[in-house]
Amino acid sequence: MLIRSLLAPTAIVLALGATAPVVSADDTTAVETTPEIDNRRAEMNSAMETWHARVEERRAETDSSDDTLDSAWNEVEAAWGDVEAATAENWDDASDAFDRAMADLEETWDDATDDDPNT
């Protein structure tokens, strides 16, 4: 009986080996994801870092606020929060919402600047 109870948690861990728990910096709740989700989330995080720097640089250069650009950036930040909290179950919705928010930000950026974000 004792050996069986010691081995049961190991079997559960092995059975769940295809998923990896992710713990958000502001939350101690583990969320089950897949390696594909983890990779895509890392790509999204990189995009967030790039765009954050770009938006902050724009704000410093213009020394003013662009409500349309700020609104688009706020939508991306909200979508990013959903991506960080997404599980395998709701990943597609969170990912799609993030992609739409990023596309809107890129369009808004193009309208507000002469910059092409793809260069």
PDB file of N, CA and C in Angstrom:
ATOM      1  N   MET A   1       0.820  -1.193   0.000  1.00  0.00           N
ATOM      2  CA  MET A   1       0.000   0.000   0.000  1.00  0.00           C
ATOM      3  C   MET A   1       0.858   1.248   0.000  1.00  0.00           C
ATOM      4  N   LEU A   2       1.900   1.266   0.813  1.00  0.00           N
ATOM      5  CA  LEU A   2       2.770   2.419   0.910  1.00  0.00           C
ATOM      6  C   LEU A   2       3.476   2.677  -0.419  1.00  0.00           C
ATOM      7  N   ILE A   3       3.953   1.641  -1.073  1.00  0.00           N
ATOM      8  CA  ILE A   3       4.637   1.811  -2.354  1.00  0.00           C
ATOM      9  C   ILE A   3       3.663   2.340  -3.401  1.00  0.00           C
ATOM     10  N   ARG A   4       2.473   1.811  -3.437  1.00  0.00           N
ATOM     11  CA  ARG A   4       1.467   2.269  -4.398  1.00  0.00           C
ATOM     12  C   ARG A   4       1.175   3.755  -4.189  1.00  0.00           C
ATOM     13  N   SER A   5       1.046   4.214  -2.966  1.00  0.00           N
ATOM     14  CA  SER A   5       0.750   5.626  -2.728  1.00  0.00           C
ATOM     15  C   SER A   5       1.935   6.507  -3.067  1.00  0.00           C
ATOM     16  N   LEU A   6       3.139   6.000  -2.984  1.00  0.00           N
ATOM     17  CA  LEU A   6       4.313   6.777  -3.383  1.00  0.00           C
ATOM     18  C   LEU A   6       4.440   6.883  -4.889  1.00  0.00           C
ATOM     19  N   LEU A   7       4.022   5.862  -5.601  1.00  0.00           N
ATOM     20  CA  LEU A   7       4.153   5.846  -7.055  1.00  0.00           C
ATOM     21  C   LEU A   7       3.016   6.568  -7.759  1.00  0.00           C
ATOM     22  N   ALA A   8       1.883   6.701  -7.153  1.00  0.00           N
ATOM     23  CA  ALA A   8       0.728   7.336  -7.789  1.00  0.00           C
ATOM     24  C   ALA A   8       1.020   8.763  -8.228  1.00  0.00           C
ATOM     25  N   PRO A   9       1.618   9.616  -7.398  1.00  0.00           N
ATOM     26  CA  PRO A   9       1.912  10.981  -7.873  1.00  0.00           C
ATOM     27  C   PRO A   9       2.873  10.990  -9.059  1.00  0.00           C
ATOM     28  N   THR A  10       3.821  10.062  -9.076  1.00  0.00           N
ATOM     29  CA  THR A  10       4.758   9.979 -10.193  1.00  0.00           C
ATOM     30  C   THR A  10       4.025   9.630 -11.479  1.00  0.00           C
ATOM     31  N   ALA A  11       3.084   8.706 -11.401  1.00  0.00           N
ATOM     32  CA  ALA A  11       2.316   8.320 -12.581  1.00  0.00           C
ATOM     33  C   ALA A  11       1.495   9.493 -13.090  1.00  0.00           C
ATOM     34  N   ILE A  12       0.953  10.270 -12.179  1.00  0.00           N
ATOM     35  CA  ILE A  12       0.166  11.441 -12.592  1.00  0.00           C
ATOM     36  C   ILE A  12       1.061  12.456 -13.276  1.00  0.00           C
ATOM     37  N   VAL A  13       2.223  12.715 -12.722  1.00  0.00           N
ATOM     38  CA  VAL A  13       3.164  13.657 -13.326  1.00  0.00           C
ATOM     39  C   VAL A  13       3.577  13.177 -14.701  1.00  0.00           C
ATOM     40  N   LEU A  14       3.860  11.897 -14.845  1.00  0.00           N
ATOM     41  CA  LEU A  14       4.246  11.358 -16.148  1.00  0.00           C
ATOM     42  C   LEU A  14       3.099  11.457 -17.148  1.00  0.00           C
ATOM     43  N   ALA A  15       1.885  11.220 -16.701  1.00  0.00           N
ATOM     44  CA  ALA A  15       0.732  11.312 -17.590  1.00  0.00           C
ATOM     45  C   ALA A  15       0.501  12.738 -18.048  1.00  0.00           C
ATOM     46  N   LEU A  16       0.844  13.707 -17.232  1.00  0.00           N
ATOM     47  CA  LEU A  16       0.656  15.116 -17.579  1.00  0.00           C
ATOM     48  C   LEU A  16       1.910  15.719 -18.186  1.00  0.00           C
ATOM     49  N   GLY A  17       2.892  14.910 -18.495  1.00  0.00           N
ATOM     50  CA  GLY A  17       4.168  15.400 -19.001  1.00  0.00           C
ATOM     51  C   GLY A  17       4.068  16.204 -20.279  1.00  0.00           C
ATOM     52  N   ALA A  18       2.978  16.080 -21.033  1.00  0.00           N
ATOM     53  CA  ALA A  18       2.821  16.829 -22.283  1.00  0.00           C
ATOM     54  C   ALA A  18       2.476  18.282 -22.032  1.00  0.00           C
ATOM     55  N   THR A  19       2.126  18.605 -20.815  1.00  0.00           N
ATOM     56  CA  THR A  19       1.793  19.987 -20.494  1.00  0.00           C
ATOM     57  C   THR A  19       2.777  20.518 -19.480  1.00  0.00           C
ATOM     58  N   ALA A  20       2.946  21.818 -19.484  1.00  0.00           N
ATOM     59  CA  ALA A  20       3.870  22.447 -18.553  1.00  0.00           C
ATOM     60  C   ALA A  20       3.137  23.516 -17.768  1.00  0.00           C
ATOM     61  N   PRO A  21       3.277  23.521 -16.458  1.00  0.00           N
ATOM     62  CA  PRO A  21       2.610  24.569 -15.686  1.00  0.00           C
ATOM     63  C   PRO A  21       3.307  25.908 -15.880  1.00  0.00           C
ATOM     64  N   VAL A  22       2.517  26.939 -15.988  1.00  0.00           N
ATOM     65  CA  VAL A  22       3.035  28.294 -16.101  1.00  0.00           C
ATOM     66  C   VAL A  22       2.487  29.068 -14.923  1.00  0.00           C
ATOM     67  N   VAL A  23       3.346  29.793 -14.249  1.00  0.00           N
ATOM     68  CA  VAL A  23       2.912  30.597 -13.122  1.00  0.00           C
ATOM     69  C   VAL A  23       3.166  32.045 -13.473  1.00  0.00           C
ATOM     70  N   SER A  24       2.112  32.834 -13.483  1.00  0.00           N
ATOM     71  CA  SER A  24       2.220  34.260 -13.768  1.00  0.00           C
ATOM     72  C   SER A  24       2.956  34.938 -12.629  1.00  0.00           C
ATOM     73  N   ALA A  25       3.661  36.005 -12.934  1.00  0.00           N
ATOM     74  CA  ALA A  25       4.427  36.730 -11.933  1.00  0.00           C
ATOM     75  C   ALA A  25       3.537  37.292 -10.829  1.00  0.00           C
ATOM     76  N   ASP A  26       2.304  37.637 -11.167  1.00  0.00           N
ATOM     77  CA  ASP A  26       1.419  38.228 -10.167  1.00  0.00           C
ATOM     78  C   ASP A  26       0.373  37.234  -9.655  1.00  0.00           C
ATOM     79  N   ASP A  27       0.557  35.968  -9.943  1.00  0.00           N
ATOM     80  CA  ASP A  27      -0.411  34.966  -9.541  1.00  0.00           C
ATOM     81  C   ASP A  27       0.338  33.677  -9.231  1.00  0.00           C
ATOM     82  N   THR A  28      -0.048  33.006  -8.197  1.00  0.00           N
ATOM     83  CA  THR A  28       0.611  31.751  -7.846  1.00  0.00           C
ATOM     84  C   THR A  28      -0.152  30.545  -8.368  1.00  0.00           C
ATOM     85  N   THR A  29      -1.171  30.767  -9.173  1.00  0.00           N
ATOM     86  CA  THR A  29      -1.965  29.683  -9.725  1.00  0.00           C
ATOM     87  C   THR A  29      -1.262  29.099 -10.941  1.00  0.00           C
ATOM     88  N   ALA A  30      -1.019  27.808 -10.931  1.00  0.00           N
ATOM     89  CA  ALA A  30      -0.397  27.137 -12.067  1.00  0.00           C
ATOM     90  C   ALA A  30      -1.440  26.933 -13.154  1.00  0.00           C
ATOM     91  N   VAL A  31      -1.050  27.176 -14.393  1.00  0.00           N
ATOM     92  CA  VAL A  31      -1.947  27.046 -15.533  1.00  0.00           C
ATOM     93  C   VAL A  31      -1.347  26.017 -16.479  1.00  0.00           C
ATOM     94  N   GLU A  32      -2.137  25.055 -16.905  1.00  0.00           N
ATOM     95  CA  GLU A  32      -1.647  24.024 -17.815  1.00  0.00           C
ATOM     96  C   GLU A  32      -1.591  24.554 -19.239  1.00  0.00           C
ATOM     97  N   THR A  33      -0.470  24.368 -19.892  1.00  0.00           N
ATOM     98  CA  THR A  33      -0.295  24.768 -21.284  1.00  0.00           C
ATOM     99  C   THR A  33       0.431  23.664 -22.038  1.00  0.00           C
ATOM    100  N   THR A  34       0.640  23.887 -23.319  1.00  0.00           N
ATOM    101  CA  THR A  34       1.397  22.950 -24.140  1.00  0.00           C
ATOM    102  C   THR A  34       2.697  23.630 -24.577  1.00  0.00           C
ATOM    103  N   PRO A  35       3.659  22.874 -25.052  1.00  0.00           N
ATOM    104  CA  PRO A  35       4.893  23.495 -25.543  1.00  0.00           C
ATOM    105  C   PRO A  35       4.630  24.490 -26.690  1.00  0.00           C
ATOM    106  N   GLU A  36       3.651  24.195 -27.538  1.00  0.00           N
ATOM    107  CA  GLU A  36       3.321  25.106 -28.632  1.00  0.00           C
ATOM    108  C   GLU A  36       2.810  26.436 -28.089  1.00  0.00           C
ATOM    109  N   ILE A  37       1.969  26.363 -27.066  1.00  0.00           N
ATOM    110  CA  ILE A  37       1.450  27.583 -26.443  1.00  0.00           C
ATOM    111  C   ILE A  37       2.592  28.346 -25.791  1.00  0.00           C
ATOM    112  N   ASP A  38       3.464  27.642 -25.104  1.00  0.00           N
ATOM    113  CA  ASP A  38       4.602  28.300 -24.459  1.00  0.00           C
ATOM    114  C   ASP A  38       5.478  29.011 -25.490  1.00  0.00           C
ATOM    115  N   ASN A  39       5.728  28.374 -26.624  1.00  0.00           N
ATOM    116  CA  ASN A  39       6.544  28.990 -27.678  1.00  0.00           C
ATOM    117  C   ASN A  39       5.858  30.223 -28.255  1.00  0.00           C
ATOM    118  N   ARG A  40       4.572  30.104 -28.525  1.00  0.00           N
ATOM    119  CA  ARG A  40       3.820  31.241 -29.078  1.00  0.00           C
ATOM    120  C   ARG A  40       3.744  32.378 -28.064  1.00  0.00           C
ATOM    121  N   ARG A  41       3.570  32.038 -26.806  1.00  0.00           N
ATOM    122  CA  ARG A  41       3.526  33.058 -25.759  1.00  0.00           C
ATOM    123  C   ARG A  41       4.874  33.791 -25.685  1.00  0.00           C
ATOM    124  N   ALA A  42       5.968  33.075 -25.862  1.00  0.00           N
ATOM    125  CA  ALA A  42       7.296  33.704 -25.860  1.00  0.00           C
ATOM    126  C   ALA A  42       7.431  34.664 -27.042  1.00  0.00           C
ATOM    127  N   GLU A  43       6.918  34.275 -28.208  1.00  0.00           N
ATOM    128  CA  GLU A  43       6.931  35.169 -29.374  1.00  0.00           C
ATOM    129  C   GLU A  43       6.110  36.428 -29.098  1.00  0.00           C
ATOM    130  N   MET A  44       4.952  36.234 -28.496  1.00  0.00           N
ATOM    131  CA  MET A  44       4.087  37.370 -28.165  1.00  0.00           C
ATOM    132  C   MET A  44       4.760  38.285 -27.149  1.00  0.00           C
ATOM    133  N   ASN A  45       5.449  37.698 -26.186  1.00  0.00           N
ATOM    134  CA  ASN A  45       6.158  38.488 -25.179  1.00  0.00           C
ATOM    135  C   ASN A  45       7.231  39.345 -25.852  1.00  0.00           C
ATOM    136  N   SER A  46       7.928  38.772 -26.801  1.00  0.00           N
ATOM    137  CA  SER A  46       8.943  39.529 -27.539  1.00  0.00           C
ATOM    138  C   SER A  46       8.309  40.693 -28.299  1.00  0.00           C
ATOM    139  N   ALA A  47       7.165  40.433 -28.926  1.00  0.00           N
ATOM    140  CA  ALA A  47       6.450  41.496 -29.635  1.00  0.00           C
ATOM    141  C   ALA A  47       6.005  42.585 -28.660  1.00  0.00           C
ATOM    142  N   MET A  48       5.546  42.186 -27.490  1.00  0.00           N
ATOM    143  CA  MET A  48       5.139  43.166 -26.473  1.00  0.00           C
ATOM    144  C   MET A  48       6.309  44.049 -26.061  1.00  0.00           C
ATOM    145  N   GLU A  49       7.460  43.437 -25.838  1.00  0.00           N
ATOM    146  CA  GLU A  49       8.641  44.210 -25.445  1.00  0.00           C
ATOM    147  C   GLU A  49       9.036  45.194 -26.535  1.00  0.00           C
ATOM    148  N   THR A  50       9.011  44.748 -27.780  1.00  0.00           N
ATOM    149  CA  THR A  50       9.365  45.607 -28.908  1.00  0.00           C
ATOM    150  C   THR A  50       8.400  46.769 -29.026  1.00  0.00           C
ATOM    151  N   TRP A  51       7.102  46.467 -28.980  1.00  0.00           N
ATOM    152  CA  TRP A  51       6.103  47.520 -29.119  1.00  0.00           C
ATOM    153  C   TRP A  51       6.074  48.454 -27.917  1.00  0.00           C
ATOM    154  N   HIS A  52       6.319  47.927 -26.733  1.00  0.00           N
ATOM    155  CA  HIS A  52       6.370  48.785 -25.550  1.00  0.00           C
ATOM    156  C   HIS A  52       7.474  49.826 -25.721  1.00  0.00           C
ATOM    157  N   ALA A  53       8.645  49.379 -26.133  1.00  0.00           N
ATOM    158  CA  ALA A  53       9.759  50.309 -26.358  1.00  0.00           C
ATOM    159  C   ALA A  53       9.411  51.318 -27.441  1.00  0.00           C
ATOM    160  N   ARG A  54       8.791  50.851 -28.501  1.00  0.00           N
ATOM    161  CA  ARG A  54       8.423  51.731 -29.615  1.00  0.00           C
ATOM    162  C   ARG A  54       7.402  52.787 -29.183  1.00  0.00           C
ATOM    163  N   VAL A  55       6.384  52.382 -28.444  1.00  0.00           N
ATOM    164  CA  VAL A  55       5.355  53.317 -27.989  1.00  0.00           C
ATOM    165  C   VAL A  55       5.956  54.326 -27.010  1.00  0.00           C
ATOM    166  N   GLU A  56       6.776  53.846 -26.079  1.00  0.00           N
ATOM    167  CA  GLU A  56       7.405  54.758 -25.118  1.00  0.00           C
ATOM    168  C   GLU A  56       8.334  55.749 -25.816  1.00  0.00           C
ATOM    169  N   GLU A  57       9.063  55.288 -26.812  1.00  0.00           N
ATOM    170  CA  GLU A  57       9.943  56.178 -27.578  1.00  0.00           C
ATOM    171  C   GLU A  57       9.121  57.238 -28.308  1.00  0.00           C
ATOM    172  N   ARG A  58       8.018  56.825 -28.883  1.00  0.00           N
ATOM    173  CA  ARG A  58       7.129  57.762 -29.584  1.00  0.00           C
ATOM    174  C   ARG A  58       6.586  58.818 -28.618  1.00  0.00           C
ATOM    175  N   ARG A  59       6.178  58.385 -27.444  1.00  0.00           N
ATOM    176  CA  ARG A  59       5.674  59.322 -26.445  1.00  0.00           C
ATOM    177  C   ARG A  59       6.752  60.335 -26.058  1.00  0.00           C
ATOM    178  N   ALA A  60       7.979  59.878 -25.891  1.00  0.00           N
ATOM    179  CA  ALA A  60       9.077  60.766 -25.514  1.00  0.00           C
ATOM    180  C   ALA A  60       9.413  61.734 -26.642  1.00  0.00           C
ATOM    181  N   GLU A  61       9.372  61.252 -27.878  1.00  0.00           N
ATOM    182  CA  GLU A  61       9.692  62.098 -29.040  1.00  0.00           C
ATOM    183  C   GLU A  61       8.648  63.183 -29.251  1.00  0.00           C
ATOM    184  N   THR A  62       7.392  62.829 -29.115  1.00  0.00           N
ATOM    185  CA  THR A  62       6.326  63.793 -29.391  1.00  0.00           C
ATOM    186  C   THR A  62       5.990  64.626 -28.170  1.00  0.00           C
ATOM    187  N   ASP A  63       6.454  64.186 -26.998  1.00  0.00           N
ATOM    188  CA  ASP A  63       6.213  64.890 -25.746  1.00  0.00           C
ATOM    189  C   ASP A  63       4.726  65.174 -25.523  1.00  0.00           C
ATOM    190  N   SER A  64       3.909  64.304 -26.080  1.00  0.00           N
ATOM    191  CA  SER A  64       2.469  64.418 -25.889  1.00  0.00           C
ATOM    192  C   SER A  64       1.842  63.042 -26.048  1.00  0.00           C
ATOM    193  N   SER A  65       0.579  62.990 -25.796  1.00  0.00           N
ATOM    194  CA  SER A  65      -0.137  61.731 -25.876  1.00  0.00           C
ATOM    195  C   SER A  65      -1.010  61.710 -27.122  1.00  0.00           C
ATOM    196  N   ASP A  66      -1.031  60.588 -27.797  1.00  0.00           N
ATOM    197  CA  ASP A  66      -1.918  60.369 -28.931  1.00  0.00           C
ATOM    198  C   ASP A  66      -3.000  59.416 -28.444  1.00  0.00           C
ATOM    199  N   ASP A  67      -4.218  59.941 -28.267  1.00  0.00           N
ATOM    200  CA  ASP A  67      -5.298  59.141 -27.687  1.00  0.00           C
ATOM    201  C   ASP A  67      -5.580  57.877 -28.477  1.00  0.00           C
ATOM    202  N   THR A  68      -5.521  57.959 -29.799  1.00  0.00           N
ATOM    203  CA  THR A  68      -5.808  56.796 -30.631  1.00  0.00           C
ATOM    204  C   THR A  68      -4.733  55.733 -30.441  1.00  0.00           C
ATOM    205  N   LEU A  69      -3.477  56.158 -30.448  1.00  0.00           N
ATOM    206  CA  LEU A  69      -2.372  55.223 -30.250  1.00  0.00           C
ATOM    207  C   LEU A  69      -2.403  54.652 -28.835  1.00  0.00           C
ATOM    208  N   ASP A  70      -2.666  55.507 -27.858  1.00  0.00           N
ATOM    209  CA  ASP A  70      -2.751  55.033 -26.471  1.00  0.00           C
ATOM    210  C   ASP A  70      -3.876  54.013 -26.313  1.00  0.00           C
ATOM    211  N   SER A  71      -5.005  54.271 -26.939  1.00  0.00           N
ATOM    212  CA  SER A  71      -6.126  53.354 -26.865  1.00  0.00           C
ATOM    213  C   SER A  71      -5.774  51.996 -27.484  1.00  0.00           C
ATOM    214  N   ALA A  72      -5.124  52.022 -28.639  1.00  0.00           N
ATOM    215  CA  ALA A  72      -4.720  50.780 -29.300  1.00  0.00           C
ATOM    216  C   ALA A  72      -3.715  50.016 -28.434  1.00  0.00           C
ATOM    217  N   TRP A  73      -2.768  50.741 -27.832  1.00  0.00           N
ATOM    218  CA  TRP A  73      -1.776  50.103 -26.971  1.00  0.00           C
ATOM    219  C   TRP A  73      -2.454  49.512 -25.729  1.00  0.00           C
ATOM    220  N   ASN A  74      -3.412  50.225 -25.162  1.00  0.00           N
ATOM    221  CA  ASN A  74      -4.139  49.704 -23.997  1.00  0.00           C
ATOM    222  C   ASN A  74      -4.879  48.418 -24.335  1.00  0.00           C
ATOM    223  N   GLU A  75      -5.433  48.343 -25.540  1.00  0.00           N
ATOM    224  CA  GLU A  75      -6.121  47.115 -25.976  1.00  0.00           C
ATOM    225  C   GLU A  75      -5.128  45.954 -26.088  1.00  0.00           C
ATOM    226  N   VAL A  76      -3.935  46.239 -26.593  1.00  0.00           N
ATOM    227  CA  VAL A  76      -2.904  45.198 -26.695  1.00  0.00           C
ATOM    228  C   VAL A  76      -2.506  44.732 -25.291  1.00  0.00           C
ATOM    229  N   GLU A  77      -2.320  45.676 -24.387  1.00  0.00           N
ATOM    230  CA  GLU A  77      -1.946  45.298 -23.019  1.00  0.00           C
ATOM    231  C   GLU A  77      -3.036  44.445 -22.360  1.00  0.00           C
ATOM    232  N   ALA A  78      -4.286  44.786 -22.582  1.00  0.00           N
ATOM    233  CA  ALA A  78      -5.384  43.992 -22.030  1.00  0.00           C
ATOM    234  C   ALA A  78      -5.397  42.589 -22.637  1.00  0.00           C
ATOM    235  N   ALA A  79      -5.201  42.515 -23.944  1.00  0.00           N
ATOM    236  CA  ALA A  79      -5.167  41.209 -24.616  1.00  0.00           C
ATOM    237  C   ALA A  79      -3.970  40.392 -24.129  1.00  0.00           C
ATOM    238  N   TRP A  80      -2.852  41.065 -23.879  1.00  0.00           N
ATOM    239  CA  TRP A  80      -1.665  40.371 -23.371  1.00  0.00           C
ATOM    240  C   TRP A  80      -1.953  39.773 -21.991  1.00  0.00           C
ATOM    241  N   GLY A  81      -2.677  40.492 -21.158  1.00  0.00           N
ATOM    242  CA  GLY A  81      -3.054  39.956 -19.855  1.00  0.00           C
ATOM    243  C   GLY A  81      -3.860  38.678 -19.996  1.00  0.00           C
ATOM    244  N   ASP A  82      -4.752  38.653 -20.983  1.00  0.00           N
ATOM    245  CA  ASP A  82      -5.541  37.442 -21.240  1.00  0.00           C
ATOM    246  C   ASP A  82      -4.654  36.305 -21.743  1.00  0.00           C
ATOM    247  N   VAL A  83      -3.662  36.635 -22.558  1.00  0.00           N
ATOM    248  CA  VAL A  83      -2.720  35.619 -23.061  1.00  0.00           C
ATOM    249  C   VAL A  83      -1.926  35.030 -21.900  1.00  0.00           C
ATOM    250  N   GLU A  84      -1.464  35.887 -21.003  1.00  0.00           N
ATOM    251  CA  GLU A  84      -0.689  35.392 -19.862  1.00  0.00           C
ATOM    252  C   GLU A  84      -1.498  34.447 -18.987  1.00  0.00           C
ATOM    253  N   ALA A  85      -2.790  34.693 -18.874  1.00  0.00           N
ATOM    254  CA  ALA A  85      -3.644  33.871 -18.016  1.00  0.00           C
ATOM    255  C   ALA A  85      -4.285  32.699 -18.758  1.00  0.00           C
ATOM    256  N   ALA A  86      -4.097  32.636 -20.071  1.00  0.00           N
ATOM    257  CA  ALA A  86      -4.792  31.625 -20.872  1.00  0.00           C
ATOM    258  C   ALA A  86      -4.316  30.215 -20.554  1.00  0.00           C
ATOM    259  N   THR A  87      -5.271  29.317 -20.588  1.00  0.00           N
ATOM    260  CA  THR A  87      -4.994  27.887 -20.460  1.00  0.00           C
ATOM    261  C   THR A  87      -5.130  27.269 -21.848  1.00  0.00           C
ATOM    262  N   ALA A  88      -4.840  25.997 -21.929  1.00  0.00           N
ATOM    263  CA  ALA A  88      -5.015  25.306 -23.209  1.00  0.00           C
ATOM    264  C   ALA A  88      -6.460  25.389 -23.673  1.00  0.00           C
ATOM    265  N   GLU A  89      -7.394  25.405 -22.724  1.00  0.00           N
ATOM    266  CA  GLU A  89      -8.814  25.451 -23.066  1.00  0.00           C
ATOM    267  C   GLU A  89      -9.232  26.752 -23.741  1.00  0.00           C
ATOM    268  N   ASN A  90      -8.714  27.881 -23.279  1.00  0.00           N
ATOM    269  CA  ASN A  90      -9.134  29.165 -23.848  1.00  0.00           C
ATOM    270  C   ASN A  90      -8.029  29.862 -24.626  1.00  0.00           C
ATOM    271  N   TRP A  91      -6.996  29.112 -24.962  1.00  0.00           N
ATOM    272  CA  TRP A  91      -5.853  29.679 -25.668  1.00  0.00           C
ATOM    273  C   TRP A  91      -6.228  30.300 -27.007  1.00  0.00           C
ATOM    274  N   ASP A  92      -7.003  29.607 -27.807  1.00  0.00           N
ATOM    275  CA  ASP A  92      -7.323  30.100 -29.150  1.00  0.00           C
ATOM    276  C   ASP A  92      -8.016  31.462 -29.093  1.00  0.00           C
ATOM    277  N   ASP A  93      -8.960  31.621 -28.186  1.00  0.00           N
ATOM    278  CA  ASP A  93      -9.661  32.905 -28.061  1.00  0.00           C
ATOM    279  C   ASP A  93      -8.701  34.012 -27.629  1.00  0.00           C
ATOM    280  N   ALA A  94      -7.873  33.727 -26.635  1.00  0.00           N
ATOM    281  CA  ALA A  94      -6.924  34.735 -26.143  1.00  0.00           C
ATOM    282  C   ALA A  94      -5.899  35.089 -27.212  1.00  0.00           C
ATOM    283  N   SER A  95      -5.415  34.084 -27.902  1.00  0.00           N
ATOM    284  CA  SER A  95      -4.422  34.304 -28.953  1.00  0.00           C
ATOM    285  C   SER A  95      -5.001  35.116 -30.114  1.00  0.00           C
ATOM    286  N   ASP A  96      -6.208  34.768 -30.526  1.00  0.00           N
ATOM    287  CA  ASP A  96      -6.864  35.502 -31.616  1.00  0.00           C
ATOM    288  C   ASP A  96      -7.120  36.956 -31.225  1.00  0.00           C
ATOM    289  N   ALA A  97      -7.566  37.183 -29.996  1.00  0.00           N
ATOM    290  CA  ALA A  97      -7.821  38.548 -29.529  1.00  0.00           C
ATOM    291  C   ALA A  97      -6.523  39.354 -29.495  1.00  0.00           C
ATOM    292  N   PHE A  98      -5.436  38.726 -29.073  1.00  0.00           N
ATOM    293  CA  PHE A  98      -4.141  39.404 -29.052  1.00  0.00           C
ATOM    294  C   PHE A  98      -3.708  39.763 -30.475  1.00  0.00           C
ATOM    295  N   ASP A  99      -3.848  38.820 -31.391  1.00  0.00           N
ATOM    296  CA  ASP A  99      -3.460  39.077 -32.786  1.00  0.00           C
ATOM    297  C   ASP A  99      -4.277  40.215 -33.392  1.00  0.00           C
ATOM    298  N   ARG A 100      -5.573  40.256 -33.091  1.00  0.00           N
ATOM    299  CA  ARG A 100      -6.411  41.353 -33.585  1.00  0.00           C
ATOM    300  C   ARG A 100      -5.977  42.691 -32.984  1.00  0.00           C
ATOM    301  N   ALA A 101      -5.696  42.693 -31.688  1.00  0.00           N
ATOM    302  CA  ALA A 101      -5.256  43.931 -31.032  1.00  0.00           C
ATOM    303  C   ALA A 101      -3.916  44.401 -31.591  1.00  0.00           C
ATOM    304  N   MET A 102      -3.012  43.469 -31.862  1.00  0.00           N
ATOM    305  CA  MET A 102      -1.716  43.842 -32.447  1.00  0.00           C
ATOM    306  C   MET A 102      -1.900  44.393 -33.861  1.00  0.00           C
ATOM    307  N   ALA A 103      -2.774  43.789 -34.641  1.00  0.00           N
ATOM    308  CA  ALA A 103      -3.030  44.279 -35.999  1.00  0.00           C
ATOM    309  C   ALA A 103      -3.608  45.689 -35.952  1.00  0.00           C
ATOM    310  N   ASP A 104      -4.503  45.933 -35.005  1.00  0.00           N
ATOM    311  CA  ASP A 104      -5.078  47.264 -34.839  1.00  0.00           C
ATOM    312  C   ASP A 104      -4.004  48.266 -34.418  1.00  0.00           C
ATOM    313  N   LEU A 105      -3.125  47.855 -33.525  1.00  0.00           N
ATOM    314  CA  LEU A 105      -2.029  48.726 -33.102  1.00  0.00           C
ATOM    315  C   LEU A 105      -1.131  49.072 -34.283  1.00  0.00           C
ATOM    316  N   GLU A 106      -0.788  48.087 -35.094  1.00  0.00           N
ATOM    317  CA  GLU A 106       0.060  48.331 -36.261  1.00  0.00           C
ATOM    318  C   GLU A 106      -0.608  49.314 -37.222  1.00  0.00           C
ATOM    319  N   GLU A 107      -1.899  49.136 -37.448  1.00  0.00           N
ATOM    320  CA  GLU A 107      -2.636  50.040 -38.335  1.00  0.00           C
ATOM    321  C   GLU A 107      -2.682  51.453 -37.748  1.00  0.00           C
ATOM    322  N   THR A 108      -2.953  51.530 -36.460  1.00  0.00           N
ATOM    323  CA  THR A 108      -2.995  52.827 -35.787  1.00  0.00           C
ATOM    324  C   THR A 108      -1.630  53.489 -35.824  1.00  0.00           C
ATOM    325  N   TRP A 109      -0.589  52.709 -35.624  1.00  0.00           N
ATOM    326  CA  TRP A 109       0.782  53.221 -35.686  1.00  0.00           C
ATOM    327  C   TRP A 109       1.072  53.800 -37.068  1.00  0.00           C
ATOM    328  N   ASP A 110       0.708  53.054 -38.091  1.00  0.00           N
ATOM    329  CA  ASP A 110       0.923  53.529 -39.463  1.00  0.00           C
ATOM    330  C   ASP A 110       0.204  54.848 -39.716  1.00  0.00           C
ATOM    331  N   ASP A 111      -1.010  54.974 -39.197  1.00  0.00           N
ATOM    332  CA  ASP A 111      -1.775  56.205 -39.369  1.00  0.00           C
ATOM    333  C   ASP A 111      -1.152  57.365 -38.600  1.00  0.00           C
ATOM    334  N   ALA A 112      -0.568  57.077 -37.429  1.00  0.00           N
ATOM    335  CA  ALA A 112      -0.026  58.126 -36.563  1.00  0.00           C
ATOM    336  C   ALA A 112       1.408  58.522 -36.913  1.00  0.00           C
ATOM    337  N   THR A 113       2.101  57.672 -37.635  1.00  0.00           N
ATOM    338  CA  THR A 113       3.517  57.924 -37.935  1.00  0.00           C
ATOM    339  C   THR A 113       3.787  57.669 -39.410  1.00  0.00           C
ATOM    340  N   ASP A 114       4.991  58.013 -39.791  1.00  0.00           N
ATOM    341  CA  ASP A 114       5.447  57.679 -41.144  1.00  0.00           C
ATOM    342  C   ASP A 114       6.209  56.373 -41.141  1.00  0.00           C
ATOM    343  N   ASP A 115       6.300  55.754 -39.961  1.00  0.00           N
ATOM    344  CA  ASP A 115       7.042  54.515 -39.798  1.00  0.00           C
ATOM    345  C   ASP A 115       6.288  53.317 -40.333  1.00  0.00           C
ATOM    346  N   ASP A 116       7.008  52.378 -40.895  1.00  0.00           N
ATOM    347  CA  ASP A 116       6.450  51.094 -41.279  1.00  0.00           C
ATOM    348  C   ASP A 116       6.932  50.099 -40.239  1.00  0.00           C
ATOM    349  N   PRO A 117       6.044  49.539 -39.393  1.00  0.00           N
ATOM    350  CA  PRO A 117       6.474  48.659 -38.308  1.00  0.00           C
ATOM    351  C   PRO A 117       7.098  47.360 -38.803  1.00  0.00           C
ATOM    352  N   ASN A 118       6.980  47.050 -40.077  1.00  0.00           N
ATOM    353  CA  ASN A 118       7.529  45.805 -40.609  1.00  0.00           C
ATOM    354  C   ASN A 118       8.947  45.973 -41.131  1.00  0.00           C
ATOM    355  N   THR A 119       9.506  47.150 -40.989  1.00  0.00           N
ATOM    356  CA  THR A 119      10.888  47.359 -41.454  1.00  0.00           C
ATOM    357  C   THR A 119      11.823  47.470 -40.308  1.00  0.00           C
TER     358      THR A 119
END
